[in-house]
């Protein structure tokens, strides 16, 4: 069974993708129907039948994994996308922090809750 998961972007962080692979990964990553969600990159593609923003590893945004993706984007020179990712994740985290004064283990990629 094939799943499109956030782990598929780790070649960017690890620096093992060649230029054409990095561009293909960027295209998949920045597809709003799959991974480029309003509040960060989900753990599982939003197109997957198991996608669930509250489903632990089936969709929420994990900040540390989003950091690895952001780091990889920077390393390959995708600065605009890295900045947008940081802004999206921060926007969700700050909204929740203001609401309930807590930092959470994971966040929704689609709406501001943690």
PDB file of N, CA and C in Angstrom:
ATOM      1  N   UNK A   1       0.845  -1.170   0.000  1.00  0.00           N
ATOM      2  CA  UNK A   1       0.000   0.000   0.000  1.00  0.00           C
ATOM      3  C   UNK A   1       0.896   1.241   0.000  1.00  0.00           C
ATOM      4  N   UNK A   2       0.706   2.106  -0.960  1.00  0.00           N
ATOM      5  CA  UNK A   2       1.525   3.304  -1.077  1.00  0.00           C
ATOM      6  C   UNK A   2       0.827   4.487  -0.415  1.00  0.00           C
ATOM      7  N   UNK A   3       1.589   5.209   0.378  1.00  0.00           N
ATOM      8  CA  UNK A   3       1.093   6.415   1.036  1.00  0.00           C
ATOM      9  C   UNK A   3       2.056   7.560   0.744  1.00  0.00           C
ATOM     10  N   UNK A   4       1.511   8.738   0.502  1.00  0.00           N
ATOM     11  CA  UNK A   4       2.335   9.938   0.390  1.00  0.00           C
ATOM     12  C   UNK A   4       2.381  10.583   1.764  1.00  0.00           C
ATOM     13  N   UNK A   5       3.541  10.478   2.400  1.00  0.00           N
ATOM     14  CA  UNK A   5       3.721  10.986   3.757  1.00  0.00           C
ATOM     15  C   UNK A   5       4.829  12.031   3.786  1.00  0.00           C
ATOM     16  N   UNK A   6       4.862  12.789   4.853  1.00  0.00           N
ATOM     17  CA  UNK A   6       5.863  13.837   5.009  1.00  0.00           C
ATOM     18  C   UNK A   6       7.285  13.285   4.939  1.00  0.00           C
ATOM     19  N   UNK A   7       7.464  12.050   5.327  1.00  0.00           N
ATOM     20  CA  UNK A   7       8.797  11.444   5.291  1.00  0.00           C
ATOM     21  C   UNK A   7       9.374  11.433   3.871  1.00  0.00           C
ATOM     22  N   UNK A   8       8.514  11.491   2.872  1.00  0.00           N
ATOM     23  CA  UNK A   8       8.966  11.510   1.491  1.00  0.00           C
ATOM     24  C   UNK A   8       9.762  12.755   1.112  1.00  0.00           C
ATOM     25  N   UNK A   9       9.711  13.786   1.964  1.00  0.00           N
ATOM     26  CA  UNK A   9      10.454  15.019   1.696  1.00  0.00           C
ATOM     27  C   UNK A   9      11.809  15.061   2.402  1.00  0.00           C
ATOM     28  N   UNK A  10      12.118  14.027   3.168  1.00  0.00           N
ATOM     29  CA  UNK A  10      13.395  14.015   3.885  1.00  0.00           C
ATOM     30  C   UNK A  10      14.629  14.001   2.986  1.00  0.00           C
ATOM     31  N   UNK A  11      14.558  13.521   1.737  1.00  0.00           N
ATOM     32  CA  UNK A  11      15.737  13.650   0.880  1.00  0.00           C
ATOM     33  C   UNK A  11      16.212  15.105   0.725  1.00  0.00           C
ATOM     34  N   UNK A  12      15.293  16.063   0.851  1.00  0.00           N
ATOM     35  CA  UNK A  12      15.699  17.473   0.814  1.00  0.00           C
ATOM     36  C   UNK A  12      16.545  17.802   2.041  1.00  0.00           C
ATOM     37  N   UNK A  13      16.056  17.424   3.201  1.00  0.00           N
ATOM     38  CA  UNK A  13      16.786  17.677   4.449  1.00  0.00           C
ATOM     39  C   UNK A  13      18.126  16.949   4.468  1.00  0.00           C
ATOM     40  N   UNK A  14      18.136  15.723   3.983  1.00  0.00           N
ATOM     41  CA  UNK A  14      19.357  14.920   3.995  1.00  0.00           C
ATOM     42  C   UNK A  14      20.352  15.347   2.912  1.00  0.00           C
ATOM     43  N   UNK A  15      19.888  16.141   1.956  1.00  0.00           N
ATOM     44  CA  UNK A  15      20.766  16.614   0.897  1.00  0.00           C
ATOM     45  C   UNK A  15      21.103  15.568  -0.147  1.00  0.00           C
ATOM     46  N   UNK A  16      20.244  14.573  -0.289  1.00  0.00           N
ATOM     47  CA  UNK A  16      20.552  13.483  -1.224  1.00  0.00           C
ATOM     48  C   UNK A  16      19.765  13.555  -2.532  1.00  0.00           C
ATOM     49  N   UNK A  17      18.864  14.522  -2.647  1.00  0.00           N
ATOM     50  CA  UNK A  17      18.106  14.680  -3.894  1.00  0.00           C
ATOM     51  C   UNK A  17      18.943  15.474  -4.891  1.00  0.00           C
ATOM     52  N   UNK A  18      18.953  15.034  -6.149  1.00  0.00           N
ATOM     53  CA  UNK A  18      19.616  15.861  -7.160  1.00  0.00           C
ATOM     54  C   UNK A  18      18.661  16.999  -7.534  1.00  0.00           C
ATOM     55  N   UNK A  19      19.099  17.889  -8.381  1.00  0.00           N
ATOM     56  CA  UNK A  19      18.326  19.083  -8.714  1.00  0.00           C
ATOM     57  C   UNK A  19      16.941  18.760  -9.276  1.00  0.00           C
ATOM     58  N   UNK A  20      16.862  17.806 -10.192  1.00  0.00           N
ATOM     59  CA  UNK A  20      15.554  17.467 -10.782  1.00  0.00           C
ATOM     60  C   UNK A  20      14.644  16.790  -9.756  1.00  0.00           C
ATOM     61  N   UNK A  21      15.199  15.952  -8.903  1.00  0.00           N
ATOM     62  CA  UNK A  21      14.407  15.326  -7.838  1.00  0.00           C
ATOM     63  C   UNK A  21      13.894  16.384  -6.866  1.00  0.00           C
ATOM     64  N   UNK A  22      14.743  17.337  -6.522  1.00  0.00           N
ATOM     65  CA  UNK A  22      14.342  18.402  -5.599  1.00  0.00           C
ATOM     66  C   UNK A  22      13.190  19.214  -6.178  1.00  0.00           C
ATOM     67  N   UNK A  23      13.241  19.500  -7.464  1.00  0.00           N
ATOM     68  CA  UNK A  23      12.161  20.256  -8.104  1.00  0.00           C
ATOM     69  C   UNK A  23      10.861  19.459  -8.120  1.00  0.00           C
ATOM     70  N   UNK A  24      10.948  18.150  -8.348  1.00  0.00           N
ATOM     71  CA  UNK A  24       9.739  17.305  -8.315  1.00  0.00           C
ATOM     72  C   UNK A  24       9.162  17.254  -6.899  1.00  0.00           C
ATOM     73  N   UNK A  25      10.032  17.138  -5.909  1.00  0.00           N
ATOM     74  CA  UNK A  25       9.569  17.130  -4.517  1.00  0.00           C
ATOM     75  C   UNK A  25       8.914  18.464  -4.171  1.00  0.00           C
ATOM     76  N   UNK A  26       9.502  19.559  -4.623  1.00  0.00           N
ATOM     77  CA  UNK A  26       8.929  20.879  -4.368  1.00  0.00           C
ATOM     78  C   UNK A  26       7.542  20.996  -4.990  1.00  0.00           C
ATOM     79  N   UNK A  27       7.382  20.490  -6.208  1.00  0.00           N
ATOM     80  CA  UNK A  27       6.074  20.547  -6.877  1.00  0.00           C
ATOM     81  C   UNK A  27       5.019  19.781  -6.075  1.00  0.00           C
ATOM     82  N   UNK A  28       5.364  18.595  -5.609  1.00  0.00           N
ATOM     83  CA  UNK A  28       4.427  17.807  -4.801  1.00  0.00           C
ATOM     84  C   UNK A  28       4.154  18.500  -3.463  1.00  0.00           C
ATOM     85  N   UNK A  29       5.207  18.991  -2.828  1.00  0.00           N
ATOM     86  CA  UNK A  29       5.082  19.645  -1.525  1.00  0.00           C
ATOM     87  C   UNK A  29       4.170  20.857  -1.590  1.00  0.00           C
ATOM     88  N   UNK A  30       4.306  21.667  -2.626  1.00  0.00           N
ATOM     89  CA  UNK A  30       3.555  22.925  -2.705  1.00  0.00           C
ATOM     90  C   UNK A  30       2.192  22.780  -3.376  1.00  0.00           C
ATOM     91  N   UNK A  31       1.756  21.568  -3.612  1.00  0.00           N
ATOM     92  CA  UNK A  31       0.406  21.325  -4.135  1.00  0.00           C
ATOM     93  C   UNK A  31      -0.576  21.448  -2.967  1.00  0.00           C
ATOM     94  N   UNK A  32      -1.446  22.477  -2.979  1.00  0.00           N
ATOM     95  CA  UNK A  32      -2.367  22.681  -1.852  1.00  0.00           C
ATOM     96  C   UNK A  32      -3.387  21.556  -1.664  1.00  0.00           C
ATOM     97  N   UNK A  33      -3.598  20.754  -2.695  1.00  0.00           N
ATOM     98  CA  UNK A  33      -4.508  19.618  -2.559  1.00  0.00           C
ATOM     99  C   UNK A  33      -3.851  18.459  -1.810  1.00  0.00           C
ATOM    100  N   UNK A  34      -2.532  18.471  -1.713  1.00  0.00           N
ATOM    101  CA  UNK A  34      -1.817  17.381  -1.065  1.00  0.00           C
ATOM    102  C   UNK A  34      -1.166  17.810   0.250  1.00  0.00           C
ATOM    103  N   UNK A  35      -0.135  18.649   0.157  1.00  0.00           N
ATOM    104  CA  UNK A  35       0.668  18.948   1.342  1.00  0.00           C
ATOM    105  C   UNK A  35       0.735  20.426   1.723  1.00  0.00           C
ATOM    106  N   UNK A  36       0.527  21.334   0.809  1.00  0.00           N
ATOM    107  CA  UNK A  36       0.712  22.753   1.101  1.00  0.00           C
ATOM    108  C   UNK A  36      -0.581  23.317   1.680  1.00  0.00           C
ATOM    109  N   UNK A  37      -0.775  23.044   2.976  1.00  0.00           N
ATOM    110  CA  UNK A  37      -2.019  23.390   3.657  1.00  0.00           C
ATOM    111  C   UNK A  37      -1.872  24.746   4.364  1.00  0.00           C
ATOM    112  N   UNK A  38      -2.963  25.367   4.789  1.00  0.00           N
ATOM    113  CA  UNK A  38      -2.896  26.705   5.382  1.00  0.00           C
ATOM    114  C   UNK A  38      -2.002  26.831   6.621  1.00  0.00           C
ATOM    115  N   UNK A  39      -1.864  25.749   7.409  1.00  0.00           N
ATOM    116  CA  UNK A  39      -1.106  25.852   8.655  1.00  0.00           C
ATOM    117  C   UNK A  39       0.070  24.883   8.719  1.00  0.00           C
ATOM    118  N   UNK A  40       0.577  24.471   7.576  1.00  0.00           N
ATOM    119  CA  UNK A  40       1.769  23.630   7.562  1.00  0.00           C
ATOM    120  C   UNK A  40       1.592  22.358   6.758  1.00  0.00           C
ATOM    121  N   UNK A  41       2.672  21.599   6.701  1.00  0.00           N
ATOM    122  CA  UNK A  41       2.702  20.349   5.941  1.00  0.00           C
ATOM    123  C   UNK A  41       2.181  19.215   6.824  1.00  0.00           C
ATOM    124  N   UNK A  42       1.098  18.556   6.413  1.00  0.00           N
ATOM    125  CA  UNK A  42       0.561  17.453   7.209  1.00  0.00           C
ATOM    126  C   UNK A  42       1.434  16.201   7.114  1.00  0.00           C
ATOM    127  N   UNK A  43       1.256  15.319   8.057  1.00  0.00           N
ATOM    128  CA  UNK A  43       2.030  14.074   8.073  1.00  0.00           C
ATOM    129  C   UNK A  43       1.627  13.126   6.943  1.00  0.00           C
ATOM    130  N   UNK A  44       0.437  13.307   6.398  1.00  0.00           N
ATOM    131  CA  UNK A  44      -0.089  12.472   5.318  1.00  0.00           C
ATOM    132  C   UNK A  44      -0.774  13.376   4.299  1.00  0.00           C
ATOM    133  N   UNK A  45      -0.633  13.066   3.032  1.00  0.00           N
ATOM    134  CA  UNK A  45      -1.260  13.862   1.984  1.00  0.00           C
ATOM    135  C   UNK A  45      -2.762  14.002   2.227  1.00  0.00           C
ATOM    136  N   UNK A  46      -3.264  15.211   2.014  1.00  0.00           N
ATOM    137  CA  UNK A  46      -4.695  15.460   2.179  1.00  0.00           C
ATOM    138  C   UNK A  46      -5.528  14.703   1.153  1.00  0.00           C
ATOM    139  N   UNK A  47      -4.910  14.192   0.104  1.00  0.00           N
ATOM    140  CA  UNK A  47      -5.632  13.402  -0.896  1.00  0.00           C
ATOM    141  C   UNK A  47      -5.781  11.938  -0.494  1.00  0.00           C
ATOM    142  N   UNK A  48      -5.091  11.521   0.539  1.00  0.00           N
ATOM    143  CA  UNK A  48      -5.147  10.125   0.979  1.00  0.00           C
ATOM    144  C   UNK A  48      -6.487   9.847   1.663  1.00  0.00           C
ATOM    145  N   UNK A  49      -7.049   8.687   1.416  1.00  0.00           N
ATOM    146  CA  UNK A  49      -8.341   8.330   2.019  1.00  0.00           C
ATOM    147  C   UNK A  49      -8.260   8.243   3.545  1.00  0.00           C
ATOM    148  N   UNK A  50      -7.076   8.055   4.095  1.00  0.00           N
ATOM    149  CA  UNK A  50      -6.903   7.998   5.547  1.00  0.00           C
ATOM    150  C   UNK A  50      -6.615   9.364   6.166  1.00  0.00           C
ATOM    151  N   UNK A  51      -6.568  10.403   5.355  1.00  0.00           N
ATOM    152  CA  UNK A  51      -6.251  11.739   5.868  1.00  0.00           C
ATOM    153  C   UNK A  51      -7.255  12.154   6.935  1.00  0.00           C
ATOM    154  N   UNK A  52      -6.739  12.580   8.066  1.00  0.00           N
ATOM    155  CA  UNK A  52      -7.557  13.048   9.182  1.00  0.00           C
ATOM    156  C   UNK A  52      -6.707  14.040   9.975  1.00  0.00           C
ATOM    157  N   UNK A  53      -7.029  15.339   9.931  1.00  0.00           N
ATOM    158  CA  UNK A  53      -6.228  16.336  10.628  1.00  0.00           C
ATOM    159  C   UNK A  53      -6.089  16.096  12.133  1.00  0.00           C
ATOM    160  N   UNK A  54      -6.977  15.282  12.694  1.00  0.00           N
ATOM    161  CA  UNK A  54      -6.901  14.962  14.121  1.00  0.00           C
ATOM    162  C   UNK A  54      -6.388  13.540  14.346  1.00  0.00           C
ATOM    163  N   UNK A  55      -5.910  12.901  13.293  1.00  0.00           N
ATOM    164  CA  UNK A  55      -5.580  11.483  13.332  1.00  0.00           C
ATOM    165  C   UNK A  55      -4.144  11.140  13.632  1.00  0.00           C
ATOM    166  N   UNK A  56      -3.512  11.850  14.507  1.00  0.00           N
ATOM    167  CA  UNK A  56      -2.144  11.591  14.951  1.00  0.00           C
ATOM    168  C   UNK A  56      -1.193  11.564  13.763  1.00  0.00           C
ATOM    169  N   UNK A  57      -0.834  10.428  13.208  1.00  0.00           N
ATOM    170  CA  UNK A  57       0.076  10.401  12.054  1.00  0.00           C
ATOM    171  C   UNK A  57      -0.675  10.337  10.726  1.00  0.00           C
ATOM    172  N   UNK A  58      -1.960  10.564  10.739  1.00  0.00           N
ATOM    173  CA  UNK A  58      -2.742  10.542   9.502  1.00  0.00           C
ATOM    174  C   UNK A  58      -3.123  11.933   9.019  1.00  0.00           C
ATOM    175  N   UNK A  59      -2.367  12.949   9.427  1.00  0.00           N
ATOM    176  CA  UNK A  59      -2.674  14.266   8.883  1.00  0.00           C
ATOM    177  C   UNK A  59      -2.220  15.488   9.647  1.00  0.00           C
ATOM    178  N   UNK A  60      -2.058  15.458  10.955  1.00  0.00           N
ATOM    179  CA  UNK A  60      -1.675  16.684  11.651  1.00  0.00           C
ATOM    180  C   UNK A  60      -0.298  17.216  11.245  1.00  0.00           C
ATOM    181  N   UNK A  61      -0.075  18.470  11.584  1.00  0.00           N
ATOM    182  CA  UNK A  61       1.219  19.121  11.401  1.00  0.00           C
ATOM    183  C   UNK A  61       2.070  18.850  12.637  1.00  0.00           C
ATOM    184  N   UNK A  62       3.207  18.244  12.427  1.00  0.00           N
ATOM    185  CA  UNK A  62       4.205  18.037  13.478  1.00  0.00           C
ATOM    186  C   UNK A  62       5.294  19.072  13.236  1.00  0.00           C
ATOM    187  N   UNK A  63       5.469  19.979  14.203  1.00  0.00           N
ATOM    188  CA  UNK A  63       6.368  21.118  14.016  1.00  0.00           C
ATOM    189  C   UNK A  63       7.790  20.671  13.708  1.00  0.00           C
ATOM    190  N   UNK A  64       8.289  19.661  14.423  1.00  0.00           N
ATOM    191  CA  UNK A  64       9.674  19.242  14.196  1.00  0.00           C
ATOM    192  C   UNK A  64       9.878  18.664  12.788  1.00  0.00           C
ATOM    193  N   UNK A  65       8.885  17.981  12.253  1.00  0.00           N
ATOM    194  CA  UNK A  65       8.985  17.460  10.885  1.00  0.00           C
ATOM    195  C   UNK A  65       8.903  18.603   9.877  1.00  0.00           C
ATOM    196  N   UNK A  66       8.066  19.598  10.174  1.00  0.00           N
ATOM    197  CA  UNK A  66       7.994  20.757   9.295  1.00  0.00           C
ATOM    198  C   UNK A  66       9.310  21.529   9.310  1.00  0.00           C
ATOM    199  N   UNK A  67       9.987  21.529  10.449  1.00  0.00           N
ATOM    200  CA  UNK A  67      11.311  22.155  10.517  1.00  0.00           C
ATOM    201  C   UNK A  67      12.277  21.451   9.560  1.00  0.00           C
ATOM    202  N   UNK A  68      12.270  20.128   9.554  1.00  0.00           N
ATOM    203  CA  UNK A  68      13.163  19.387   8.658  1.00  0.00           C
ATOM    204  C   UNK A  68      12.863  19.708   7.190  1.00  0.00           C
ATOM    205  N   UNK A  69      11.588  19.807   6.857  1.00  0.00           N
ATOM    206  CA  UNK A  69      11.205  20.167   5.489  1.00  0.00           C
ATOM    207  C   UNK A  69      11.703  21.578   5.167  1.00  0.00           C
ATOM    208  N   UNK A  70      11.478  22.516   6.092  1.00  0.00           N
ATOM    209  CA  UNK A  70      11.922  23.892   5.885  1.00  0.00           C
ATOM    210  C   UNK A  70      13.434  23.960   5.686  1.00  0.00           C
ATOM    211  N   UNK A  71      14.176  23.230   6.499  1.00  0.00           N
ATOM    212  CA  UNK A  71      15.644  23.201   6.407  1.00  0.00           C
ATOM    213  C   UNK A  71      16.069  22.697   5.025  1.00  0.00           C
ATOM    214  N   UNK A  72      15.403  21.641   4.555  1.00  0.00           N
ATOM    215  CA  UNK A  72      15.705  21.113   3.234  1.00  0.00           C
ATOM    216  C   UNK A  72      15.402  22.113   2.130  1.00  0.00           C
ATOM    217  N   UNK A  73      14.284  22.816   2.260  1.00  0.00           N
ATOM    218  CA  UNK A  73      13.950  23.844   1.272  1.00  0.00           C
ATOM    219  C   UNK A  73      15.046  24.905   1.207  1.00  0.00           C
ATOM    220  N   UNK A  74      15.494  25.352   2.362  1.00  0.00           N
ATOM    221  CA  UNK A  74      16.566  26.350   2.392  1.00  0.00           C
ATOM    222  C   UNK A  74      17.844  25.819   1.753  1.00  0.00           C
ATOM    223  N   UNK A  75      18.194  24.592   2.084  1.00  0.00           N
ATOM    224  CA  UNK A  75      19.430  24.007   1.566  1.00  0.00           C
ATOM    225  C   UNK A  75      19.430  23.887   0.041  1.00  0.00           C
ATOM    226  N   UNK A  76      18.240  23.765  -0.555  1.00  0.00           N
ATOM    227  CA  UNK A  76      18.150  23.667  -2.011  1.00  0.00           C
ATOM    228  C   UNK A  76      17.826  25.013  -2.662  1.00  0.00           C
ATOM    229  N   UNK A  77      17.828  26.068  -1.859  1.00  0.00           N
ATOM    230  CA  UNK A  77      17.621  27.405  -2.397  1.00  0.00           C
ATOM    231  C   UNK A  77      16.179  27.815  -2.596  1.00  0.00           C
ATOM    232  N   UNK A  78      15.243  27.050  -2.050  1.00  0.00           N
ATOM    233  CA  UNK A  78      13.819  27.381  -2.169  1.00  0.00           C
ATOM    234  C   UNK A  78      13.418  28.283  -0.995  1.00  0.00           C
ATOM    235  N   UNK A  79      13.994  29.486  -0.966  1.00  0.00           N
ATOM    236  CA  UNK A  79      13.826  30.389   0.182  1.00  0.00           C
ATOM    237  C   UNK A  79      12.402  30.915   0.324  1.00  0.00           C
ATOM    238  N   UNK A  80      11.768  31.231  -0.782  1.00  0.00           N
ATOM    239  CA  UNK A  80      10.394  31.748  -0.733  1.00  0.00           C
ATOM    240  C   UNK A  80       9.458  30.716  -0.115  1.00  0.00           C
ATOM    241  N   UNK A  81       9.573  29.481  -0.537  1.00  0.00           N
ATOM    242  CA  UNK A  81       8.719  28.415  -0.017  1.00  0.00           C
ATOM    243  C   UNK A  81       9.038  28.125   1.452  1.00  0.00           C
ATOM    244  N   UNK A  82      10.310  28.158   1.814  1.00  0.00           N
ATOM    245  CA  UNK A  82      10.697  27.934   3.213  1.00  0.00           C
ATOM    246  C   UNK A  82      10.098  29.010   4.109  1.00  0.00           C
ATOM    247  N   UNK A  83      10.162  30.246   3.666  1.00  0.00           N
ATOM    248  CA  UNK A  83       9.593  31.352   4.448  1.00  0.00           C
ATOM    249  C   UNK A  83       8.079  31.196   4.583  1.00  0.00           C
ATOM    250  N   UNK A  84       7.426  30.841   3.496  1.00  0.00           N
ATOM    251  CA  UNK A  84       5.970  30.651   3.543  1.00  0.00           C
ATOM    252  C   UNK A  84       5.598  29.515   4.495  1.00  0.00           C
ATOM    253  N   UNK A  85       6.357  28.435   4.473  1.00  0.00           N
ATOM    254  CA  UNK A  85       6.091  27.321   5.381  1.00  0.00           C
ATOM    255  C   UNK A  85       6.227  27.761   6.835  1.00  0.00           C
ATOM    256  N   UNK A  86       7.297  28.468   7.155  1.00  0.00           N
ATOM    257  CA  UNK A  86       7.489  28.959   8.527  1.00  0.00           C
ATOM    258  C   UNK A  86       6.333  29.870   8.926  1.00  0.00           C
ATOM    259  N   UNK A  87       5.928  30.755   8.033  1.00  0.00           N
ATOM    260  CA  UNK A  87       4.814  31.658   8.336  1.00  0.00           C
ATOM    261  C   UNK A  87       3.517  30.889   8.564  1.00  0.00           C
ATOM    262  N   UNK A  88       3.256  29.879   7.746  1.00  0.00           N
ATOM    263  CA  UNK A  88       2.025  29.095   7.891  1.00  0.00           C
ATOM    264  C   UNK A  88       1.988  28.339   9.217  1.00  0.00           C
ATOM    265  N   UNK A  89       3.070  27.662   9.553  1.00  0.00           N
ATOM    266  CA  UNK A  89       3.121  26.907  10.812  1.00  0.00           C
ATOM    267  C   UNK A  89       3.023  27.865  11.994  1.00  0.00           C
ATOM    268  N   UNK A  90       3.762  28.968  11.935  1.00  0.00           N
ATOM    269  CA  UNK A  90       3.752  29.944  13.029  1.00  0.00           C
ATOM    270  C   UNK A  90       2.369  30.539  13.229  1.00  0.00           C
ATOM    271  N   UNK A  91       1.689  30.825  12.123  1.00  0.00           N
ATOM    272  CA  UNK A  91       0.346  31.406  12.187  1.00  0.00           C
ATOM    273  C   UNK A  91      -0.590  30.502  12.987  1.00  0.00           C
ATOM    274  N   UNK A  92      -0.565  29.219  12.705  1.00  0.00           N
ATOM    275  CA  UNK A  92      -1.413  28.282  13.441  1.00  0.00           C
ATOM    276  C   UNK A  92      -1.017  28.161  14.897  1.00  0.00           C
ATOM    277  N   UNK A  93       0.277  28.047  15.155  1.00  0.00           N
ATOM    278  CA  UNK A  93       0.755  27.905  16.536  1.00  0.00           C
ATOM    279  C   UNK A  93       0.427  29.140  17.373  1.00  0.00           C
ATOM    280  N   UNK A  94       0.660  30.317  16.813  1.00  0.00           N
ATOM    281  CA  UNK A  94       0.416  31.559  17.555  1.00  0.00           C
ATOM    282  C   UNK A  94      -1.066  31.738  17.841  1.00  0.00           C
ATOM    283  N   UNK A  95      -1.911  31.409  16.877  1.00  0.00           N
ATOM    284  CA  UNK A  95      -3.364  31.503  17.095  1.00  0.00           C
ATOM    285  C   UNK A  95      -3.785  30.636  18.275  1.00  0.00           C
ATOM    286  N   UNK A  96      -3.315  29.402  18.315  1.00  0.00           N
ATOM    287  CA  UNK A  96      -3.662  28.478  19.399  1.00  0.00           C
ATOM    288  C   UNK A  96      -3.062  28.939  20.715  1.00  0.00           C
ATOM    289  N   UNK A  97      -1.832  29.405  20.685  1.00  0.00           N
ATOM    290  CA  UNK A  97      -1.173  29.879  21.902  1.00  0.00           C
ATOM    291  C   UNK A  97      -1.941  31.043  22.512  1.00  0.00           C
ATOM    292  N   UNK A  98      -2.434  31.939  21.690  1.00  0.00           N
ATOM    293  CA  UNK A  98      -3.229  33.069  22.180  1.00  0.00           C
ATOM    294  C   UNK A  98      -4.566  32.601  22.750  1.00  0.00           C
ATOM    295  N   UNK A  99      -5.143  31.558  22.180  1.00  0.00           N
ATOM    296  CA  UNK A  99      -6.447  31.067  22.634  1.00  0.00           C
ATOM    297  C   UNK A  99      -6.371  30.332  23.958  1.00  0.00           C
ATOM    298  N   UNK A 100      -5.389  29.431  24.102  1.00  0.00           N
ATOM    299  CA  UNK A 100      -5.397  28.579  25.301  1.00  0.00           C
ATOM    300  C   UNK A 100      -4.063  28.512  26.034  1.00  0.00           C
ATOM    301  N   UNK A 101      -3.110  29.353  25.611  1.00  0.00           N
ATOM    302  CA  UNK A 101      -1.827  29.485  26.327  1.00  0.00           C
ATOM    303  C   UNK A 101      -1.051  28.176  26.418  1.00  0.00           C
ATOM    304  N   UNK A 102      -1.185  27.338  25.409  1.00  0.00           N
ATOM    305  CA  UNK A 102      -0.459  26.062  25.379  1.00  0.00           C
ATOM    306  C   UNK A 102       0.217  25.860  24.036  1.00  0.00           C
ATOM    307  N   UNK A 103       1.327  25.159  24.076  1.00  0.00           N
ATOM    308  CA  UNK A 103       1.937  24.624  22.862  1.00  0.00           C
ATOM    309  C   UNK A 103       1.570  23.152  22.811  1.00  0.00           C
ATOM    310  N   UNK A 104       1.239  22.672  21.614  1.00  0.00           N
ATOM    311  CA  UNK A 104       0.747  21.313  21.473  1.00  0.00           C
ATOM    312  C   UNK A 104       1.741  20.425  20.739  1.00  0.00           C
ATOM    313  N   UNK A 105       1.503  19.150  20.852  1.00  0.00           N
ATOM    314  CA  UNK A 105       2.332  18.147  20.189  1.00  0.00           C
ATOM    315  C   UNK A 105       2.199  18.242  18.671  1.00  0.00           C
ATOM    316  N   UNK A 106       0.978  18.483  18.205  1.00  0.00           N
ATOM    317  CA  UNK A 106       0.718  18.639  16.776  1.00  0.00           C
ATOM    318  C   UNK A 106      -0.448  19.592  16.586  1.00  0.00           C
ATOM    319  N   UNK A 107      -0.620  20.049  15.357  1.00  0.00           N
ATOM    320  CA  UNK A 107      -1.628  21.051  15.019  1.00  0.00           C
ATOM    321  C   UNK A 107      -2.365  20.628  13.750  1.00  0.00           C
ATOM    322  N   UNK A 108      -3.533  21.228  13.562  1.00  0.00           N
ATOM    323  CA  UNK A 108      -4.279  20.967  12.334  1.00  0.00           C
ATOM    324  C   UNK A 108      -3.619  21.698  11.168  1.00  0.00           C
ATOM    325  N   UNK A 109      -3.520  21.051  10.032  1.00  0.00           N
ATOM    326  CA  UNK A 109      -3.001  21.736   8.852  1.00  0.00           C
ATOM    327  C   UNK A 109      -4.045  22.627   8.174  1.00  0.00           C
ATOM    328  N   UNK A 110      -5.313  22.439   8.537  1.00  0.00           N
ATOM    329  CA  UNK A 110      -6.403  23.086   7.816  1.00  0.00           C
ATOM    330  C   UNK A 110      -7.131  24.179   8.584  1.00  0.00           C
ATOM    331  N   UNK A 111      -7.079  24.142   9.893  1.00  0.00           N
ATOM    332  CA  UNK A 111      -7.731  25.162  10.711  1.00  0.00           C
ATOM    333  C   UNK A 111      -6.929  25.333  11.994  1.00  0.00           C
ATOM    334  N   UNK A 112      -7.082  26.476  12.630  1.00  0.00           N
ATOM    335  CA  UNK A 112      -6.257  26.783  13.802  1.00  0.00           C
ATOM    336  C   UNK A 112      -6.786  26.084  15.057  1.00  0.00           C
ATOM    337  N   UNK A 113      -6.262  24.925  15.327  1.00  0.00           N
ATOM    338  CA  UNK A 113      -6.504  24.212  16.592  1.00  0.00           C
ATOM    339  C   UNK A 113      -5.310  23.317  16.870  1.00  0.00           C
ATOM    340  N   UNK A 114      -5.147  22.989  18.131  1.00  0.00           N
ATOM    341  CA  UNK A 114      -4.029  22.126  18.513  1.00  0.00           C
ATOM    342  C   UNK A 114      -4.468  21.087  19.503  1.00  0.00           C
TER     343      UNK A 114
END
